[in-house]
C-alpha atoms as a PDB file:
ATOM      1  CA  UNK A   1     -27.751  25.842   0.518  1.00  0.00           C
ATOM      2  CA  UNK A   2     -25.751  28.266  -1.592  1.00  0.00           C
ATOM      3  CA  UNK A   3     -22.419  29.184   0.093  1.00  0.00           C
ATOM      4  CA  UNK A   4     -22.954  27.071   3.238  1.00  0.00           C
ATOM      5  CA  UNK A   5     -19.981  25.917   5.344  1.00  0.00           C
ATOM      6  CA  UNK A   6     -21.561  22.770   6.667  1.00  0.00           C
ATOM      7  CA  UNK A   7     -19.431  19.708   6.152  1.00  0.00           C
ATOM      8  CA  UNK A   8     -21.555  17.157   4.315  1.00  0.00           C
ATOM      9  CA  UNK A   9     -21.080  14.284   1.975  1.00  0.00           C
ATOM     10  CA  UNK A  10     -21.270  14.647  -1.865  1.00  0.00           C
ATOM     11  CA  UNK A  11     -24.860  14.688  -3.147  1.00  0.00           C
ATOM     12  CA  UNK A  12     -25.997  12.827  -6.250  1.00  0.00           C
ATOM     13  CA  UNK A  13     -29.188  13.578  -8.182  1.00  0.00           C
ATOM     14  CA  UNK A  14     -31.015  12.167 -11.205  1.00  0.00           C
ATOM     15  CA  UNK A  15     -32.625  14.226 -14.040  1.00  0.00           C
ATOM     16  CA  UNK A  16     -35.142  12.885 -16.603  1.00  0.00           C
ATOM     17  CA  UNK A  17     -36.314  15.164 -19.483  1.00  0.00           C
ATOM     18  CA  UNK A  18     -39.713  14.613 -21.072  1.00  0.00           C
ATOM     19  CA  UNK A  19     -41.908  16.359 -23.647  1.00  0.00           C
ATOM     20  CA  UNK A  20     -39.295  18.450 -25.510  1.00  0.00           C
ATOM     21  CA  UNK A  21     -40.506  21.484 -27.365  1.00  0.00           C
ATOM     22  CA  UNK A  22     -38.645  22.516 -30.512  1.00  0.00           C
ATOM     23  CA  UNK A  23     -35.767  20.137 -29.646  1.00  0.00           C
ATOM     24  CA  UNK A  24     -34.717  16.539 -30.065  1.00  0.00           C
ATOM     25  CA  UNK A  25     -33.423  14.608 -27.069  1.00  0.00           C
ATOM     26  CA  UNK A  26     -30.936  11.842 -27.786  1.00  0.00           C
ATOM     27  CA  UNK A  27     -30.659  10.717 -24.111  1.00  0.00           C
ATOM     28  CA  UNK A  28     -33.463  11.867 -21.833  1.00  0.00           C
ATOM     29  CA  UNK A  29     -31.772  11.010 -18.505  1.00  0.00           C
ATOM     30  CA  UNK A  30     -28.633  11.994 -16.625  1.00  0.00           C
ATOM     31  CA  UNK A  31     -26.961  11.807 -13.263  1.00  0.00           C
ATOM     32  CA  UNK A  32     -25.201  14.722 -11.527  1.00  0.00           C
ATOM     33  CA  UNK A  33     -23.100  15.039  -8.378  1.00  0.00           C
ATOM     34  CA  UNK A  34     -22.711  18.063  -6.171  1.00  0.00           C
ATOM     35  CA  UNK A  35     -19.299  17.825  -4.612  1.00  0.00           C
ATOM     36  CA  UNK A  36     -18.684  19.078  -1.075  1.00  0.00           C
ATOM     37  CA  UNK A  37     -16.273  21.965  -1.329  1.00  0.00           C
ATOM     38  CA  UNK A  38     -16.684  23.263   2.224  1.00  0.00           C
ATOM     39  CA  UNK A  39     -13.632  21.530   3.653  1.00  0.00           C
ATOM     40  CA  UNK A  40     -13.208  20.437   7.230  1.00  0.00           C
ATOM     41  CA  UNK A  41     -14.881  22.188  10.142  1.00  0.00           C
ATOM     42  CA  UNK A  42     -13.480  22.549  13.661  1.00  0.00           C
ATOM     43  CA  UNK A  43     -15.332  24.637  16.244  1.00  0.00           C
ATOM     44  CA  UNK A  44     -12.710  25.910  18.645  1.00  0.00           C
ATOM     45  CA  UNK A  45     -13.475  28.060  21.724  1.00  0.00           C
ATOM     46  CA  UNK A  46     -11.428  29.632  24.450  1.00  0.00           C
ATOM     47  CA  UNK A  47     -11.938  30.252  28.200  1.00  0.00           C
ATOM     48  CA  UNK A  48      -9.746  32.347  30.439  1.00  0.00           C
ATOM     49  CA  UNK A  49      -9.721  32.150  34.244  1.00  0.00           C
ATOM     50  CA  UNK A  50      -7.814  34.420  36.613  1.00  0.00           C
ATOM     51  CA  UNK A  51      -8.174  36.045  40.049  1.00  0.00           C
ATOM     52  CA  UNK A  52     -10.591  38.861  40.697  1.00  0.00           C
ATOM     53  CA  UNK A  53      -8.032  40.537  43.047  1.00  0.00           C
ATOM     54  CA  UNK A  54      -4.310  40.863  42.499  1.00  0.00           C
ATOM     55  CA  UNK A  55      -1.769  42.184  44.949  1.00  0.00           C
ATOM     56  CA  UNK A  56       0.506  44.997  43.763  1.00  0.00           C
ATOM     57  CA  UNK A  57       3.690  43.508  42.233  1.00  0.00           C
ATOM     58  CA  UNK A  58       2.672  39.928  42.997  1.00  0.00           C
ATOM     59  CA  UNK A  59       2.292  37.114  40.466  1.00  0.00           C
ATOM     60  CA  UNK A  60      -1.104  36.778  38.715  1.00  0.00           C
ATOM     61  CA  UNK A  61      -1.886  33.271  37.387  1.00  0.00           C
ATOM     62  CA  UNK A  62      -4.173  32.822  34.389  1.00  0.00           C
ATOM     63  CA  UNK A  63      -5.449  29.503  32.991  1.00  0.00           C
ATOM     64  CA  UNK A  64      -6.340  29.585  29.310  1.00  0.00           C
ATOM     65  CA  UNK A  65      -8.294  26.586  27.966  1.00  0.00           C
ATOM     66  CA  UNK A  66      -8.839  25.992  24.241  1.00  0.00           C
ATOM     67  CA  UNK A  67     -11.512  23.390  23.362  1.00  0.00           C
ATOM     68  CA  UNK A  68     -12.486  21.815  20.075  1.00  0.00           C
ATOM     69  CA  UNK A  69     -16.196  20.875  19.568  1.00  0.00           C
ATOM     70  CA  UNK A  70     -15.368  19.414  16.131  1.00  0.00           C
ATOM     71  CA  UNK A  71     -16.581  17.715  14.109  1.00  0.00           C
ATOM     72  CA  UNK A  72     -12.953  17.478  12.798  1.00  0.00           C
ATOM     73  CA  UNK A  73      -9.597  17.933  14.505  1.00  0.00           C
ATOM     74  CA  UNK A  74      -8.418  21.544  14.695  1.00  0.00           C
ATOM     75  CA  UNK A  75      -5.042  21.955  13.053  1.00  0.00           C
ATOM     76  CA  UNK A  76      -2.571  24.723  13.624  1.00  0.00           C
ATOM     77  CA  UNK A  77      -4.239  26.146  16.761  1.00  0.00           C
ATOM     78  CA  UNK A  78      -2.624  29.422  17.823  1.00  0.00           C
ATOM     79  CA  UNK A  79      -3.427  31.459  20.983  1.00  0.00           C
ATOM     80  CA  UNK A  80      -2.408  35.121  21.179  1.00  0.00           C
ATOM     81  CA  UNK A  81      -2.429  37.066  24.466  1.00  0.00           C
ATOM     82  CA  UNK A  82      -1.246  40.660  24.861  1.00  0.00           C
ATOM     83  CA  UNK A  83      -0.395  41.052  28.522  1.00  0.00           C
ATOM     84  CA  UNK A  84      -1.968  43.969  30.305  1.00  0.00           C
ATOM     85  CA  UNK A  85      -0.187  47.335  30.440  1.00  0.00           C
ATOM     86  CA  UNK A  86       1.900  47.753  33.587  1.00  0.00           C
ATOM     87  CA  UNK A  87       2.319  44.015  34.147  1.00  0.00           C
ATOM     88  CA  UNK A  88       5.529  42.112  33.500  1.00  0.00           C
ATOM     89  CA  UNK A  89       5.708  38.695  31.858  1.00  0.00           C
ATOM     90  CA  UNK A  90       6.905  35.814  34.020  1.00  0.00           C
ATOM     91  CA  UNK A  91       6.070  32.603  32.142  1.00  0.00           C
ATOM     92  CA  UNK A  92       3.725  30.822  29.714  1.00  0.00           C
ATOM     93  CA  UNK A  93       3.507  27.021  29.923  1.00  0.00           C
ATOM     94  CA  UNK A  94       1.323  25.152  27.402  1.00  0.00           C
ATOM     95  CA  UNK A  95       0.106  21.588  27.827  1.00  0.00           C
ATOM     96  CA  UNK A  96       1.247  21.012  24.210  1.00  0.00           C
ATOM     97  CA  UNK A  97       3.264  23.044  21.693  1.00  0.00           C
ATOM     98  CA  UNK A  98       5.235  26.132  22.725  1.00  0.00           C
ATOM     99  CA  UNK A  99       4.849  29.822  23.618  1.00  0.00           C
ATOM    100  CA  UNK A 100       7.039  32.745  22.639  1.00  0.00           C
ATOM    101  CA  UNK A 101       7.101  36.503  23.361  1.00  0.00           C
ATOM    102  CA  UNK A 102       7.161  38.780  26.398  1.00  0.00           C
ATOM    103  CA  UNK A 103       4.516  41.499  25.731  1.00  0.00           C
ATOM    104  CA  UNK A 104       2.417  39.641  23.180  1.00  0.00           C
ATOM    105  CA  UNK A 105       2.443  35.923  23.936  1.00  0.00           C
ATOM    106  CA  UNK A 106       1.952  33.598  20.986  1.00  0.00           C
ATOM    107  CA  UNK A 107       1.359  29.963  21.767  1.00  0.00           C
ATOM    108  CA  UNK A 108       1.442  27.485  18.857  1.00  0.00           C
ATOM    109  CA  UNK A 109      -0.491  24.495  20.187  1.00  0.00           C
ATOM    110  CA  UNK A 110      -0.584  22.359  17.044  1.00  0.00           C
ATOM    111  CA  UNK A 111      -3.594  20.027  16.567  1.00  0.00           C
ATOM    112  CA  UNK A 112      -6.497  19.535  19.023  1.00  0.00           C
ATOM    113  CA  UNK A 113      -8.675  16.479  18.406  1.00  0.00           C
ATOM    114  CA  UNK A 114     -12.466  16.655  18.214  1.00  0.00           C
ATOM    115  CA  UNK A 115     -13.604  16.834  21.850  1.00  0.00           C
ATOM    116  CA  UNK A 116     -10.107  17.660  23.066  1.00  0.00           C
ATOM    117  CA  UNK A 117      -8.592  20.570  24.955  1.00  0.00           C
ATOM    118  CA  UNK A 118      -5.243  22.257  25.485  1.00  0.00           C
ATOM    119  CA  UNK A 119      -4.312  24.609  28.332  1.00  0.00           C
ATOM    120  CA  UNK A 120      -1.820  27.387  28.891  1.00  0.00           C
ATOM    121  CA  UNK A 121      -0.732  28.577  32.299  1.00  0.00           C
ATOM    122  CA  UNK A 122       0.216  32.257  31.972  1.00  0.00           C
ATOM    123  CA  UNK A 123       1.907  34.115  34.835  1.00  0.00           C
ATOM    124  CA  UNK A 124       2.487  37.899  34.942  1.00  0.00           C
ATOM    125  CA  UNK A 125       3.426  40.224  37.807  1.00  0.00           C
ATOM    126  CA  UNK A 126       0.788  42.768  38.667  1.00  0.00           C
ATOM    127  CA  UNK A 127       1.593  46.481  38.371  1.00  0.00           C
ATOM    128  CA  UNK A 128       3.048  48.152  41.461  1.00  0.00           C
ATOM    129  CA  UNK A 129       0.133  50.559  41.657  1.00  0.00           C
ATOM    130  CA  UNK A 130      -3.590  50.196  42.445  1.00  0.00           C
ATOM    131  CA  UNK A 131      -6.039  49.903  39.555  1.00  0.00           C
ATOM    132  CA  UNK A 132      -7.421  47.146  37.407  1.00  0.00           C
ATOM    133  CA  UNK A 133      -5.942  44.905  34.763  1.00  0.00           C
ATOM    134  CA  UNK A 134      -7.896  43.251  31.992  1.00  0.00           C
ATOM    135  CA  UNK A 135      -6.425  40.404  29.968  1.00  0.00           C
ATOM    136  CA  UNK A 136      -7.755  38.870  26.702  1.00  0.00           C
ATOM    137  CA  UNK A 137      -6.699  35.796  24.810  1.00  0.00           C
ATOM    138  CA  UNK A 138      -7.668  34.916  21.244  1.00  0.00           C
ATOM    139  CA  UNK A 139      -7.537  31.557  19.465  1.00  0.00           C
ATOM    140  CA  UNK A 140      -7.436  30.729  15.749  1.00  0.00           C
ATOM    141  CA  UNK A 141      -7.010  27.558  13.709  1.00  0.00           C
ATOM    142  CA  UNK A 142      -6.282  26.810  10.054  1.00  0.00           C
ATOM    143  CA  UNK A 143      -7.238  25.458   7.546  1.00  0.00           C
ATOM    144  CA  UNK A 144     -10.524  24.302   9.064  1.00  0.00           C
ATOM    145  CA  UNK A 145     -13.585  26.607   8.977  1.00  0.00           C
ATOM    146  CA  UNK A 146     -14.829  27.674  12.435  1.00  0.00           C
ATOM    147  CA  UNK A 147     -18.615  27.927  12.412  1.00  0.00           C
ATOM    148  CA  UNK A 148     -18.782  30.048  15.590  1.00  0.00           C
ATOM    149  CA  UNK A 149     -15.826  32.503  15.713  1.00  0.00           C
ATOM    150  CA  UNK A 150     -17.511  34.618  18.346  1.00  0.00           C
ATOM    151  CA  UNK A 151     -16.308  32.217  21.064  1.00  0.00           C
ATOM    152  CA  UNK A 152     -12.659  32.496  20.039  1.00  0.00           C
ATOM    153  CA  UNK A 153     -11.830  35.288  22.535  1.00  0.00           C
ATOM    154  CA  UNK A 154     -12.002  35.384  26.317  1.00  0.00           C
ATOM    155  CA  UNK A 155     -11.178  38.064  28.949  1.00  0.00           C
ATOM    156  CA  UNK A 156     -10.787  38.364  32.674  1.00  0.00           C
ATOM    157  CA  UNK A 157     -10.332  41.437  34.901  1.00  0.00           C
ATOM    158  CA  UNK A 158      -8.637  41.819  38.284  1.00  0.00           C
ATOM    159  CA  UNK A 159      -8.548  44.650  40.746  1.00  0.00           C
ATOM    160  CA  UNK A 160      -4.966  45.483  41.815  1.00  0.00           C
ATOM    161  CA  UNK A 161      -4.518  46.541  45.480  1.00  0.00           C
ATOM    162  CA  UNK A 162      -2.127  46.291  48.372  1.00  0.00           C
ATOM    163  CA  UNK A 163      -2.409  43.523  50.977  1.00  0.00           C
ATOM    164  CA  UNK A 164      -3.410  46.085  53.638  1.00  0.00           C
ATOM    165  CA  UNK A 165      -6.365  47.103  51.422  1.00  0.00           C
ATOM    166  CA  UNK A 166      -8.059  43.727  51.582  1.00  0.00           C
ATOM    167  CA  UNK A 167     -10.736  43.702  54.313  1.00  0.00           C
ATOM    168  CA  UNK A 168     -10.357  41.131  57.081  1.00  0.00           C
ATOM    169  CA  UNK A 169     -12.362  40.142  60.110  1.00  0.00           C
ATOM    170  CA  UNK A 170     -11.155  40.863  63.613  1.00  0.00           C
ATOM    171  CA  UNK A 171     -10.235  37.973  65.937  1.00  0.00           C
ATOM    172  CA  UNK A 172     -13.578  38.321  67.749  1.00  0.00           C
ATOM    173  CA  UNK A 173     -15.556  38.305  64.532  1.00  0.00           C
ATOM    174  CA  UNK A 174     -13.762  35.136  63.405  1.00  0.00           C
ATOM    175  CA  UNK A 175     -14.716  33.475  66.704  1.00  0.00           C
ATOM    176  CA  UNK A 176     -18.380  34.516  66.231  1.00  0.00           C
ATOM    177  CA  UNK A 177     -18.337  33.225  62.642  1.00  0.00           C
ATOM    178  CA  UNK A 178     -16.796  29.873  63.697  1.00  0.00           C
ATOM    179  CA  UNK A 179     -19.399  29.527  66.496  1.00  0.00           C
ATOM    180  CA  UNK A 180     -22.244  30.278  64.056  1.00  0.00           C
ATOM    181  CA  UNK A 181     -20.979  27.750  61.520  1.00  0.00           C
ATOM    182  CA  UNK A 182     -20.588  25.047  64.273  1.00  0.00           C
ATOM    183  CA  UNK A 183     -24.210  25.686  65.385  1.00  0.00           C
ATOM    184  CA  UNK A 184     -25.470  25.338  61.784  1.00  0.00           C
ATOM    185  CA  UNK A 185     -23.479  22.144  61.311  1.00  0.00           C
ATOM    186  CA  UNK A 186     -24.746  20.678  64.624  1.00  0.00           C
ATOM    187  CA  UNK A 187     -28.309  21.484  63.632  1.00  0.00           C
ATOM    188  CA  UNK A 188     -27.880  19.715  60.231  1.00  0.00           C
ATOM    189  CA  UNK A 189     -26.500  16.578  61.891  1.00  0.00           C
ATOM    190  CA  UNK A 190     -29.623  16.127  64.043  1.00  0.00           C
END
């Protein structure tokens, strides 16, 4: 295929010329080789997990996971995460490599083997006001080609509210719920 990025071995072909017209052939056969020039391929992807509700001013913990589906190792993997407006940076702890920055976090993870993963635990403090915060992380690697770059970004959103805004059950409703669950469990045991 012309211009493909599939990693494949070199391809050799054989040509034999017959029945020349208006020409003389000294050697009617030859061998050619198509060299693979696509370079290595590493399919990295990123996933980001965080809470759906965050308390005003409280820590919000995100887990960012970068995976490599190969077929080669991914070199020079870098994750970039701009923390949401109104939040304050607390920490970024990678399973390998290091992270720098306070508003845009850049984590240089190094190499991730085919089938391997690396994680980053990112902590920010939620804003002191109600609203929502959305956080996105992006992953890149070089020099390998990534055949599916669409999976190199991941986002999560949390609603920010006060502790008194979170609905709870009354004491009596908790007793009713516990009784109902016990009845269901007793029925399953029989």
